[in-house]
Amino acid sequence: IAFGAFYPFMRGHASNNANNKEPWAFGPEIEQVSRTALNRRYRLLP
């Protein structure tokens, strides 16, 4: 998700037999990693 913030199309996805893959599903550290990545993406929207 950190470098995925710079793809043209940015989507997280998971199959029905996989673990949860929302940014908060992996604990506080990865949640913050995701938040930083998403903030970078949104600042770059222009």
All heavy atoms as atom14 arrays in JSON, in Angstrom:
{
  "sequence": "IAFGAFYPFMRGHASNNANNKEPWAFGPEIEQVSRTALNRRYRLLP",
  "atom14_mask": [
    [1, 1, 1, 1, 1, 1, 1, 1, 0, 0, 0, 0, 0, 0],
    [1, 1, 1, 1, 1, 0, 0, 0, 0, 0, 0, 0, 0, 0],
    [1, 1, 1, 1, 1, 1, 1, 1, 1, 1, 1, 0, 0, 0],
    [1, 1, 1, 1, 0, 0, 0, 0, 0, 0, 0, 0, 0, 0],
    [1, 1, 1, 1, 1, 0, 0, 0, 0, 0, 0, 0, 0, 0],
    [1, 1, 1, 1, 1, 1, 1, 1, 1, 1, 1, 0, 0, 0],
    [1, 1, 1, 1, 1, 1, 1, 1, 1, 1, 1, 1, 0, 0],
    [1, 1, 1, 1, 1, 1, 1, 0, 0, 0, 0, 0, 0, 0],
    [1, 1, 1, 1, 1, 1, 1, 1, 1, 1, 1, 0, 0, 0],
    [1, 1, 1, 1, 1, 1, 1, 1, 0, 0, 0, 0, 0, 0],
    [1, 1, 1, 1, 1, 1, 1, 1, 1, 1, 1, 0, 0, 0],
    [1, 1, 1, 1, 0, 0, 0, 0, 0, 0, 0, 0, 0, 0],
    [1, 1, 1, 1, 1, 1, 1, 1, 1, 1, 0, 0, 0, 0],
    [1, 1, 1, 1, 1, 0, 0, 0, 0, 0, 0, 0, 0, 0],
    [1, 1, 1, 1, 1, 1, 0, 0, 0, 0, 0, 0, 0, 0],
    [1, 1, 1, 1, 1, 1, 1, 1, 0, 0, 0, 0, 0, 0],
    [1, 1, 1, 1, 1, 1, 1, 1, 0, 0, 0, 0, 0, 0],
    [1, 1, 1, 1, 1, 0, 0, 0, 0, 0, 0, 0, 0, 0],
    [1, 1, 1, 1, 1, 1, 1, 1, 0, 0, 0, 0, 0, 0],
    [1, 1, 1, 1, 1, 1, 1, 1, 0, 0, 0, 0, 0, 0],
    [1, 1, 1, 1, 1, 1, 1, 1, 1, 0, 0, 0, 0, 0],
    [1, 1, 1, 1, 1, 1, 1, 1, 1, 0, 0, 0, 0, 0],
    [1, 1, 1, 1, 1, 1, 1, 0, 0, 0, 0, 0, 0, 0],
    [1, 1, 1, 1, 1, 1, 1, 1, 1, 1, 1, 1, 1, 1],
    [1, 1, 1, 1, 1, 0, 0, 0, 0, 0, 0, 0, 0, 0],
    [1, 1, 1, 1, 1, 1, 1, 1, 1, 1, 1, 0, 0, 0],
    [1, 1, 1, 1, 0, 0, 0, 0, 0, 0, 0, 0, 0, 0],
    [1, 1, 1, 1, 1, 1, 1, 0, 0, 0, 0, 0, 0, 0],
    [1, 1, 1, 1, 1, 1, 1, 1, 1, 0, 0, 0, 0, 0],
    [1, 1, 1, 1, 1, 1, 1, 1, 0, 0, 0, 0, 0, 0],
    [1, 1, 1, 1, 1, 1, 1, 1, 1, 0, 0, 0, 0, 0],
    [1, 1, 1, 1, 1, 1, 1, 1, 1, 0, 0, 0, 0, 0],
    [1, 1, 1, 1, 1, 1, 1, 0, 0, 0, 0, 0, 0, 0],
    [1, 1, 1, 1, 1, 1, 0, 0, 0, 0, 0, 0, 0, 0],
    [1, 1, 1, 1, 1, 1, 1, 1, 1, 1, 1, 0, 0, 0],
    [1, 1, 1, 1, 1, 1, 1, 0, 0, 0, 0, 0, 0, 0],
    [1, 1, 1, 1, 1, 0, 0, 0, 0, 0, 0, 0, 0, 0],
    [1, 1, 1, 1, 1, 1, 1, 1, 0, 0, 0, 0, 0, 0],
    [1, 1, 1, 1, 1, 1, 1, 1, 0, 0, 0, 0, 0, 0],
    [1, 1, 1, 1, 1, 1, 1, 1, 1, 1, 1, 0, 0, 0],
    [1, 1, 1, 1, 1, 1, 1, 1, 1, 1, 1, 0, 0, 0],
    [1, 1, 1, 1, 1, 1, 1, 1, 1, 1, 1, 1, 0, 0],
    [1, 1, 1, 1, 1, 1, 1, 1, 1, 1, 1, 0, 0, 0],
    [1, 1, 1, 1, 1, 1, 1, 1, 0, 0, 0, 0, 0, 0],
    [1, 1, 1, 1, 1, 1, 1, 1, 0, 0, 0, 0, 0, 0],
    [1, 1, 1, 1, 1, 1, 1, 0, 0, 0, 0, 0, 0, 0]
  ],
  "atom14_positions": [
    [[0.83, -1.21, 0.0], [0.0, 0.0, 0.0], [0.86, 1.25, 0.0], [0.47, 2.3, -0.52], [-0.99, 0.01, 1.19], [-2.09, 1.07, 0.94], [-0.26, 0.25, 2.52], [-3.24, 0.99, 1.92], [0.0, 0.0, 0.0], [0.0, 0.0, 0.0], [0.0, 0.0, 0.0], [0.0, 0.0, 0.0], [0.0, 0.0, 0.0], [0.0, 0.0, 0.0]],
    [[2.09, 1.15, 0.52], [2.96, 2.32, 0.58], [3.33, 2.82, -0.81], [3.2, 4.01, -1.11], [4.21, 2.01, 1.4], [0.0, 0.0, 0.0], [0.0, 0.0, 0.0], [0.0, 0.0, 0.0], [0.0, 0.0, 0.0], [0.0, 0.0, 0.0], [0.0, 0.0, 0.0], [0.0, 0.0, 0.0], [0.0, 0.0, 0.0], [0.0, 0.0, 0.0]],
    [[3.78, 1.9, -1.68], [4.1, 2.38, -3.03], [2.88, 2.33, -3.94], [2.82, 3.0, -4.97], [5.26, 1.57, -3.64], [4.89, 0.28, -4.29], [4.57, 0.22, -5.63], [4.9, -0.91, -3.56], [4.24, -0.98, -6.24], [4.57, -2.11, -4.16], [4.23, -2.15, -5.5], [0.0, 0.0, 0.0], [0.0, 0.0, 0.0], [0.0, 0.0, 0.0]],
    [[1.85, 1.55, -3.53], [0.62, 1.49, -4.31], [-0.15, 2.79, -4.33], [-1.04, 2.97, -5.17], [0.0, 0.0, 0.0], [0.0, 0.0, 0.0], [0.0, 0.0, 0.0], [0.0, 0.0, 0.0], [0.0, 0.0, 0.0], [0.0, 0.0, 0.0], [0.0, 0.0, 0.0], [0.0, 0.0, 0.0], [0.0, 0.0, 0.0], [0.0, 0.0, 0.0]],
    [[0.2, 3.71, -3.43], [-0.43, 5.03, -3.43], [-0.15, 5.8, -4.71], [-0.79, 6.82, -4.98], [0.05, 5.83, -2.23], [0.0, 0.0, 0.0], [0.0, 0.0, 0.0], [0.0, 0.0, 0.0], [0.0, 0.0, 0.0], [0.0, 0.0, 0.0], [0.0, 0.0, 0.0], [0.0, 0.0, 0.0], [0.0, 0.0, 0.0], [0.0, 0.0, 0.0]],
    [[0.8, 5.32, -5.52], [1.21, 6.06, -6.71], [0.77, 5.37, -8.0], [1.19, 5.77, -9.08], [2.73, 6.27, -6.68], [3.17, 7.02, -5.45], [3.63, 6.34, -4.33], [3.07, 8.4, -5.39], [4.0, 7.02, -3.18], [3.44, 9.09, -4.25], [3.91, 8.41, -3.14], [0.0, 0.0, 0.0], [0.0, 0.0, 0.0], [0.0, 0.0, 0.0]],
    [[-0.08, 4.35, -7.89], [-0.68, 3.77, -9.09], [-1.8, 4.68, -9.6], [-2.47, 5.36, -8.81], [-1.26, 2.39, -8.79], [-0.27, 1.27, -8.84], [0.24, 0.71, -7.68], [0.17, 0.76, -10.06], [1.16, -0.33, -7.72], [1.08, -0.27, -10.12], [1.58, -0.81, -8.95], [2.49, -1.83, -9.0], [0.0, 0.0, 0.0], [0.0, 0.0, 0.0]],
    [[-2.07, 4.66, -10.92], [-3.22, 5.43, -11.42], [-4.53, 5.02, -10.76], [-5.33, 5.86, -10.36], [-3.21, 5.12, -12.92], [-1.79, 4.76, -13.22], [-1.28, 4.06, -11.99], [0.0, 0.0, 0.0], [0.0, 0.0, 0.0], [0.0, 0.0, 0.0], [0.0, 0.0, 0.0], [0.0, 0.0, 0.0], [0.0, 0.0, 0.0], [0.0, 0.0, 0.0]],
    [[-4.77, 3.7, -10.67], [-5.96, 3.17, -10.02], [-5.52, 2.52, -8.72], [-4.66, 1.63, -8.71], [-6.63, 2.14, -10.94], [-7.81, 1.43, -10.33], [-8.95, 2.12, -9.97], [-7.79, 0.05, -10.12], [-10.04, 1.46, -9.41], [-8.86, -0.62, -9.57], [-9.99, 0.1, -9.21], [0.0, 0.0, 0.0], [0.0, 0.0, 0.0], [0.0, 0.0, 0.0]],
    [[-6.11, 2.95, -7.6], [-5.67, 2.48, -6.29], [-6.83, 1.81, -5.57], [-7.74, 2.48, -5.07], [-5.12, 3.63, -5.45], [-4.49, 3.17, -4.14], [-4.03, 4.53, -3.05], [-3.2, 3.61, -1.74], [0.0, 0.0, 0.0], [0.0, 0.0, 0.0], [0.0, 0.0, 0.0], [0.0, 0.0, 0.0], [0.0, 0.0, 0.0], [0.0, 0.0, 0.0]],
    [[-6.8, 0.47, -5.52], [-7.86, -0.28, -4.86], [-7.25, -1.42, -4.05], [-6.38, -2.15, -4.52], [-8.83, -0.87, -5.89], [-9.99, -1.63, -5.26], [-10.94, -2.2, -6.28], [-10.42, -3.42, -6.92], [-11.14, -4.29, -7.61], [-12.45, -4.07, -7.77], [-10.61, -5.35, -8.16], [0.0, 0.0, 0.0], [0.0, 0.0, 0.0], [0.0, 0.0, 0.0]],
    [[-7.73, -1.58, -2.82], [-7.43, -2.75, -2.02], [-8.55, -3.76, -2.17], [-9.73, -3.39, -2.2], [0.0, 0.0, 0.0], [0.0, 0.0, 0.0], [0.0, 0.0, 0.0], [0.0, 0.0, 0.0], [0.0, 0.0, 0.0], [0.0, 0.0, 0.0], [0.0, 0.0, 0.0], [0.0, 0.0, 0.0], [0.0, 0.0, 0.0], [0.0, 0.0, 0.0]],
    [[-8.19, -5.05, -2.25], [-9.2, -6.08, -2.51], [-8.79, -7.37, -1.8], [-7.63, -7.54, -1.43], [-9.31, -6.3, -4.02], [-10.5, -7.1, -4.46], [-11.61, -7.32, -3.67], [-10.77, -7.74, -5.63], [-12.49, -8.03, -4.33], [-12.0, -8.31, -5.52], [0.0, 0.0, 0.0], [0.0, 0.0, 0.0], [0.0, 0.0, 0.0], [0.0, 0.0, 0.0]],
    [[-9.75, -8.26, -1.59], [-9.47, -9.54, -0.93], [-10.5, -10.57, -1.37], [-11.68, -10.25, -1.55], [-9.52, -9.39, 0.59], [0.0, 0.0, 0.0], [0.0, 0.0, 0.0], [0.0, 0.0, 0.0], [0.0, 0.0, 0.0], [0.0, 0.0, 0.0], [0.0, 0.0, 0.0], [0.0, 0.0, 0.0], [0.0, 0.0, 0.0], [0.0, 0.0, 0.0]],
    [[-10.07, -11.81, -1.53], [-10.98, -12.88, -1.87], [-11.77, -13.31, -0.64], [-11.44, -12.93, 0.5], [-10.21, -14.08, -2.45], [-9.36, -14.64, -1.47], [0.0, 0.0, 0.0], [0.0, 0.0, 0.0], [0.0, 0.0, 0.0], [0.0, 0.0, 0.0], [0.0, 0.0, 0.0], [0.0, 0.0, 0.0], [0.0, 0.0, 0.0], [0.0, 0.0, 0.0]],
    [[-12.78, -14.14, -0.87], [-13.66, -14.53, 0.24], [-13.02, -15.53, 1.2], [-13.56, -15.78, 2.27], [-14.98, -15.08, -0.31], [-14.77, -16.26, -1.27], [-13.64, -16.68, -1.53], [-15.87, -16.77, -1.8], [0.0, 0.0, 0.0], [0.0, 0.0, 0.0], [0.0, 0.0, 0.0], [0.0, 0.0, 0.0], [0.0, 0.0, 0.0], [0.0, 0.0, 0.0]],
    [[-11.89, -16.1, 0.82], [-11.22, -17.04, 1.72], [-9.89, -16.5, 2.24], [-9.05, -17.25, 2.73], [-10.99, -18.39, 1.02], [-10.18, -18.24, -0.26], [-9.81, -17.13, -0.64], [-9.92, -19.35, -0.93], [0.0, 0.0, 0.0], [0.0, 0.0, 0.0], [0.0, 0.0, 0.0], [0.0, 0.0, 0.0], [0.0, 0.0, 0.0], [0.0, 0.0, 0.0]],
    [[-9.7, -15.18, 2.12], [-8.47, -14.54, 2.6], [-8.76, -13.76, 3.88], [-9.92, -13.54, 4.26], [-7.92, -13.6, 1.54], [0.0, 0.0, 0.0], [0.0, 0.0, 0.0], [0.0, 0.0, 0.0], [0.0, 0.0, 0.0], [0.0, 0.0, 0.0], [0.0, 0.0, 0.0], [0.0, 0.0, 0.0], [0.0, 0.0, 0.0], [0.0, 0.0, 0.0]],
    [[-7.7, -13.34, 4.54], [-7.89, -12.54, 5.75], [-8.4, -11.15, 5.4], [-8.4, -10.74, 4.23], [-6.58, -12.46, 6.56], [-5.42, -11.85, 5.76], [-5.49, -11.69, 4.55], [-4.35, -11.53, 6.45], [0.0, 0.0, 0.0], [0.0, 0.0, 0.0], [0.0, 0.0, 0.0], [0.0, 0.0, 0.0], [0.0, 0.0, 0.0], [0.0, 0.0, 0.0]],
    [[-8.86, -10.43, 6.4], [-9.3, -9.06, 6.18], [-8.11, -8.22, 5.72], [-7.01, -8.33, 6.27], [-9.9, -8.47, 7.45], [-11.23, -9.11, 7.81], [-11.97, -9.55, 6.94], [-11.53, -9.17, 9.1], [0.0, 0.0, 0.0], [0.0, 0.0, 0.0], [0.0, 0.0, 0.0], [0.0, 0.0, 0.0], [0.0, 0.0, 0.0], [0.0, 0.0, 0.0]],
    [[-8.37, -7.36, 4.73], [-7.29, -6.56, 4.17], [-7.59, -5.07, 4.18], [-7.08, -4.31, 3.36], [-6.97, -7.04, 2.75], [-6.46, -8.49, 2.7], [-6.16, -8.97, 1.29], [-5.74, -10.43, 1.29], [-5.47, -10.95, -0.08], [0.0, 0.0, 0.0], [0.0, 0.0, 0.0], [0.0, 0.0, 0.0], [0.0, 0.0, 0.0], [0.0, 0.0, 0.0]],
    [[-8.44, -4.64, 5.12], [-8.59, -3.21, 5.32], [-7.33, -2.68, 6.02], [-6.65, -3.44, 6.72], [-9.82, -2.9, 6.16], [-11.14, -3.31, 5.52], [-11.43, -4.79, 5.66], [-10.95, -5.41, 6.65], [-12.11, -5.35, 4.78], [0.0, 0.0, 0.0], [0.0, 0.0, 0.0], [0.0, 0.0, 0.0], [0.0, 0.0, 0.0], [0.0, 0.0, 0.0]],
    [[-6.99, -1.42, 5.84], [-5.72, -0.9, 6.38], [-5.55, -1.06, 7.89], [-4.41, -1.11, 8.38], [-5.76, 0.58, 5.99], [-6.62, 0.63, 4.77], [-7.67, -0.42, 4.99], [0.0, 0.0, 0.0], [0.0, 0.0, 0.0], [0.0, 0.0, 0.0], [0.0, 0.0, 0.0], [0.0, 0.0, 0.0], [0.0, 0.0, 0.0], [0.0, 0.0, 0.0]],
    [[-6.64, -1.17, 8.64], [-6.54, -1.29, 10.1], [-6.48, -2.74, 10.57], [-6.35, -3.0, 11.76], [-7.74, -0.62, 10.77], [-9.07, -1.16, 10.31], [-9.71, -2.28, 10.76], [-9.91, -0.61, 9.29], [-10.89, -2.47, 10.1], [-11.05, -1.45, 9.19], [-9.83, 0.51, 8.46], [-12.07, -1.2, 8.29], [-10.86, 0.75, 7.57], [-11.97, -0.1, 7.49]],
    [[-6.56, -3.69, 9.62], [-6.69, -5.1, 10.0], [-5.38, -5.73, 10.47], [-5.39, -6.87, 10.95], [-7.23, -5.9, 8.81], [0.0, 0.0, 0.0], [0.0, 0.0, 0.0], [0.0, 0.0, 0.0], [0.0, 0.0, 0.0], [0.0, 0.0, 0.0], [0.0, 0.0, 0.0], [0.0, 0.0, 0.0], [0.0, 0.0, 0.0], [0.0, 0.0, 0.0]],
    [[-4.27, -4.99, 10.38], [-2.96, -5.58, 10.66], [-2.28, -4.99, 11.89], [-1.11, -5.25, 12.13], [-2.05, -5.4, 9.43], [-2.66, -5.91, 8.16], [-3.35, -5.06, 7.3], [-2.58, -7.25, 7.84], [-3.92, -5.53, 6.14], [-3.16, -7.73, 6.67], [-3.84, -6.88, 5.82], [0.0, 0.0, 0.0], [0.0, 0.0, 0.0], [0.0, 0.0, 0.0]],
    [[-3.02, -4.2, 12.65], [-2.44, -3.62, 13.85], [-2.04, -2.17, 13.66], [-2.05, -1.64, 12.55], [0.0, 0.0, 0.0], [0.0, 0.0, 0.0], [0.0, 0.0, 0.0], [0.0, 0.0, 0.0], [0.0, 0.0, 0.0], [0.0, 0.0, 0.0], [0.0, 0.0, 0.0], [0.0, 0.0, 0.0], [0.0, 0.0, 0.0], [0.0, 0.0, 0.0]],
    [[-1.66, -1.51, 14.76], [-1.39, -0.06, 14.74], [-0.28, 0.36, 13.79], [-0.37, 1.41, 13.15], [-1.02, 0.24, 16.19], [-1.63, -0.86, 16.99], [-1.59, -2.07, 16.12], [0.0, 0.0, 0.0], [0.0, 0.0, 0.0], [0.0, 0.0, 0.0], [0.0, 0.0, 0.0], [0.0, 0.0, 0.0], [0.0, 0.0, 0.0], [0.0, 0.0, 0.0]],
    [[0.8, -0.44, 13.69], [1.92, -0.02, 12.85], [1.51, 0.08, 11.38], [1.75, 1.11, 10.73], [3.1, -0.99, 12.98], [4.3, -0.59, 12.11], [5.4, -1.63, 12.09], [5.16, -2.77, 12.52], [6.5, -1.29, 11.59], [0.0, 0.0, 0.0], [0.0, 0.0, 0.0], [0.0, 0.0, 0.0], [0.0, 0.0, 0.0], [0.0, 0.0, 0.0]],
    [[0.88, -0.96, 10.85], [0.51, -0.96, 9.43], [-0.65, 0.01, 9.19], [-0.77, 0.58, 8.1], [0.16, -2.38, 8.97], [1.36, -3.3, 9.16], [-0.27, -2.38, 7.51], [2.65, -2.82, 8.5], [0.0, 0.0, 0.0], [0.0, 0.0, 0.0], [0.0, 0.0, 0.0], [0.0, 0.0, 0.0], [0.0, 0.0, 0.0], [0.0, 0.0, 0.0]],
    [[-1.49, 0.2, 10.2], [-2.53, 1.22, 10.06], [-1.9, 2.59, 9.83], [-2.35, 3.36, 8.98], [-3.41, 1.24, 11.3], [-4.54, 2.26, 11.22], [-5.39, 2.28, 12.48], [-5.7, 1.19, 13.01], [-5.74, 3.4, 12.94], [0.0, 0.0, 0.0], [0.0, 0.0, 0.0], [0.0, 0.0, 0.0], [0.0, 0.0, 0.0], [0.0, 0.0, 0.0]],
    [[-0.86, 2.9, 10.58], [-0.2, 4.19, 10.41], [0.56, 4.26, 9.09], [0.58, 5.3, 8.42], [0.76, 4.48, 11.57], [1.43, 5.85, 11.5], [0.42, 6.99, 11.4], [-0.6, 7.01, 12.1], [0.7, 7.95, 10.52], [0.0, 0.0, 0.0], [0.0, 0.0, 0.0], [0.0, 0.0, 0.0], [0.0, 0.0, 0.0], [0.0, 0.0, 0.0]],
    [[1.17, 3.15, 8.68], [1.81, 3.09, 7.36], [0.79, 3.41, 6.27], [1.05, 4.2, 5.36], [2.43, 1.69, 7.12], [2.85, 1.52, 5.66], [3.63, 1.47, 8.03], [0.0, 0.0, 0.0], [0.0, 0.0, 0.0], [0.0, 0.0, 0.0], [0.0, 0.0, 0.0], [0.0, 0.0, 0.0], [0.0, 0.0, 0.0], [0.0, 0.0, 0.0]],
    [[-0.39, 2.81, 6.38], [-1.45, 3.04, 5.41], [-1.92, 4.49, 5.44], [-2.15, 5.1, 4.39], [-2.63, 2.1, 5.69], [-2.24, 0.75, 5.65], [0.0, 0.0, 0.0], [0.0, 0.0, 0.0], [0.0, 0.0, 0.0], [0.0, 0.0, 0.0], [0.0, 0.0, 0.0], [0.0, 0.0, 0.0], [0.0, 0.0, 0.0], [0.0, 0.0, 0.0]],
    [[-2.07, 5.03, 6.62], [-2.52, 6.42, 6.74], [-1.54, 7.37, 6.07], [-1.94, 8.29, 5.34], [-2.7, 6.77, 8.22], [-3.28, 8.17, 8.46], [-3.53, 8.42, 9.94], [-4.6, 7.56, 10.46], [-4.4, 6.52, 11.26], [-3.17, 6.18, 11.64], [-5.42, 5.79, 11.67], [0.0, 0.0, 0.0], [0.0, 0.0, 0.0], [0.0, 0.0, 0.0]],
    [[-0.26, 7.15, 6.3], [0.74, 8.0, 5.65], [0.68, 7.87, 4.14], [0.72, 8.87, 3.4], [2.15, 7.63, 6.15], [2.22, 7.83, 7.57], [3.22, 8.49, 5.48], [0.0, 0.0, 0.0], [0.0, 0.0, 0.0], [0.0, 0.0, 0.0], [0.0, 0.0, 0.0], [0.0, 0.0, 0.0], [0.0, 0.0, 0.0], [0.0, 0.0, 0.0]],
    [[0.57, 6.62, 3.67], [0.5, 6.39, 2.22], [-0.73, 7.07, 1.62], [-0.65, 7.71, 0.56], [0.47, 4.89, 1.94], [0.0, 0.0, 0.0], [0.0, 0.0, 0.0], [0.0, 0.0, 0.0], [0.0, 0.0, 0.0], [0.0, 0.0, 0.0], [0.0, 0.0, 0.0], [0.0, 0.0, 0.0], [0.0, 0.0, 0.0], [0.0, 0.0, 0.0]],
    [[-1.87, 6.95, 2.28], [-3.1, 7.55, 1.76], [-3.04, 9.07, 1.82], [-3.52, 9.75, 0.9], [-4.3, 7.01, 2.54], [-4.58, 5.52, 2.34], [-5.64, 5.03, 3.32], [-5.0, 5.23, 0.91], [0.0, 0.0, 0.0], [0.0, 0.0, 0.0], [0.0, 0.0, 0.0], [0.0, 0.0, 0.0], [0.0, 0.0, 0.0], [0.0, 0.0, 0.0]],
    [[-2.47, 9.6, 2.87], [-2.31, 11.05, 2.93], [-1.42, 11.56, 1.81], [-1.66, 12.63, 1.24], [-1.73, 11.46, 4.29], [-2.75, 11.39, 5.41], [-3.96, 11.39, 5.17], [-2.27, 11.31, 6.64], [0.0, 0.0, 0.0], [0.0, 0.0, 0.0], [0.0, 0.0, 0.0], [0.0, 0.0, 0.0], [0.0, 0.0, 0.0], [0.0, 0.0, 0.0]],
    [[-0.37, 10.8, 1.49], [0.49, 11.18, 0.36], [-0.33, 11.18, -0.94], [-0.23, 12.1, -1.76], [1.67, 10.21, 0.23], [2.67, 10.27, 1.36], [3.73, 9.18, 1.21], [5.04, 9.75, 0.92], [6.09, 9.05, 0.5], [5.97, 7.74, 0.29], [7.25, 9.64, 0.26], [0.0, 0.0, 0.0], [0.0, 0.0, 0.0], [0.0, 0.0, 0.0]],
    [[-1.12, 10.13, -1.13], [-1.96, 10.03, -2.33], [-2.89, 11.24, -2.45], [-2.98, 11.87, -3.52], [-2.78, 8.75, -2.26], [-3.9, 8.62, -3.32], [-3.35, 8.18, -4.62], [-4.38, 7.9, -5.62], [-4.17, 7.16, -6.69], [-2.99, 6.62, -6.89], [-5.12, 6.98, -7.59], [0.0, 0.0, 0.0], [0.0, 0.0, 0.0], [0.0, 0.0, 0.0]],
    [[-3.57, 11.54, -1.37], [-4.58, 12.6, -1.44], [-3.96, 13.98, -1.58], [-4.54, 14.86, -2.24], [-5.53, 12.51, -0.25], [-6.64, 11.51, -0.49], [-6.4, 10.15, -0.4], [-7.91, 11.93, -0.84], [-7.4, 9.22, -0.66], [-8.93, 11.02, -1.09], [-8.66, 9.66, -1.0], [-9.66, 8.75, -1.27], [0.0, 0.0, 0.0], [0.0, 0.0, 0.0]],
    [[-2.8, 14.2, -1.0], [-2.12, 15.48, -1.21], [-1.72, 15.66, -2.67], [-1.65, 16.78, -3.18], [-0.89, 15.6, -0.32], [-1.18, 15.82, 1.15], [-0.13, 16.71, 1.79], [-0.27, 18.1, 1.38], [0.59, 19.06, 1.69], [1.67, 18.78, 2.4], [0.4, 20.3, 1.28], [0.0, 0.0, 0.0], [0.0, 0.0, 0.0], [0.0, 0.0, 0.0]],
    [[-1.46, 14.54, -3.34], [-1.02, 14.59, -4.74], [-2.17, 14.64, -5.74], [-1.93, 14.67, -6.95], [-0.16, 13.36, -5.05], [1.36, 13.5, -4.96], [2.02, 12.22, -5.43], [1.87, 14.67, -5.79], [0.0, 0.0, 0.0], [0.0, 0.0, 0.0], [0.0, 0.0, 0.0], [0.0, 0.0, 0.0], [0.0, 0.0, 0.0], [0.0, 0.0, 0.0]],
    [[-3.42, 14.63, -5.28], [-4.54, 14.58, -6.21], [-4.51, 15.69, -7.27], [-4.85, 15.43, -8.43], [-5.87, 14.6, -5.46], [-6.3, 13.27, -4.84], [-7.65, 13.41, -4.15], [-6.36, 12.14, -5.87], [0.0, 0.0, 0.0], [0.0, 0.0, 0.0], [0.0, 0.0, 0.0], [0.0, 0.0, 0.0], [0.0, 0.0, 0.0], [0.0, 0.0, 0.0]],
    [[-4.12, 16.93, -6.94], [-4.05, 17.93, -8.01], [-3.07, 17.54, -9.12], [-3.33, 17.79, -10.31], [-3.59, 19.2, -7.28], [-4.05, 19.0, -5.86], [-3.89, 17.53, -5.61], [0.0, 0.0, 0.0], [0.0, 0.0, 0.0], [0.0, 0.0, 0.0], [0.0, 0.0, 0.0], [0.0, 0.0, 0.0], [0.0, 0.0, 0.0], [0.0, 0.0, 0.0]]
  ]
}
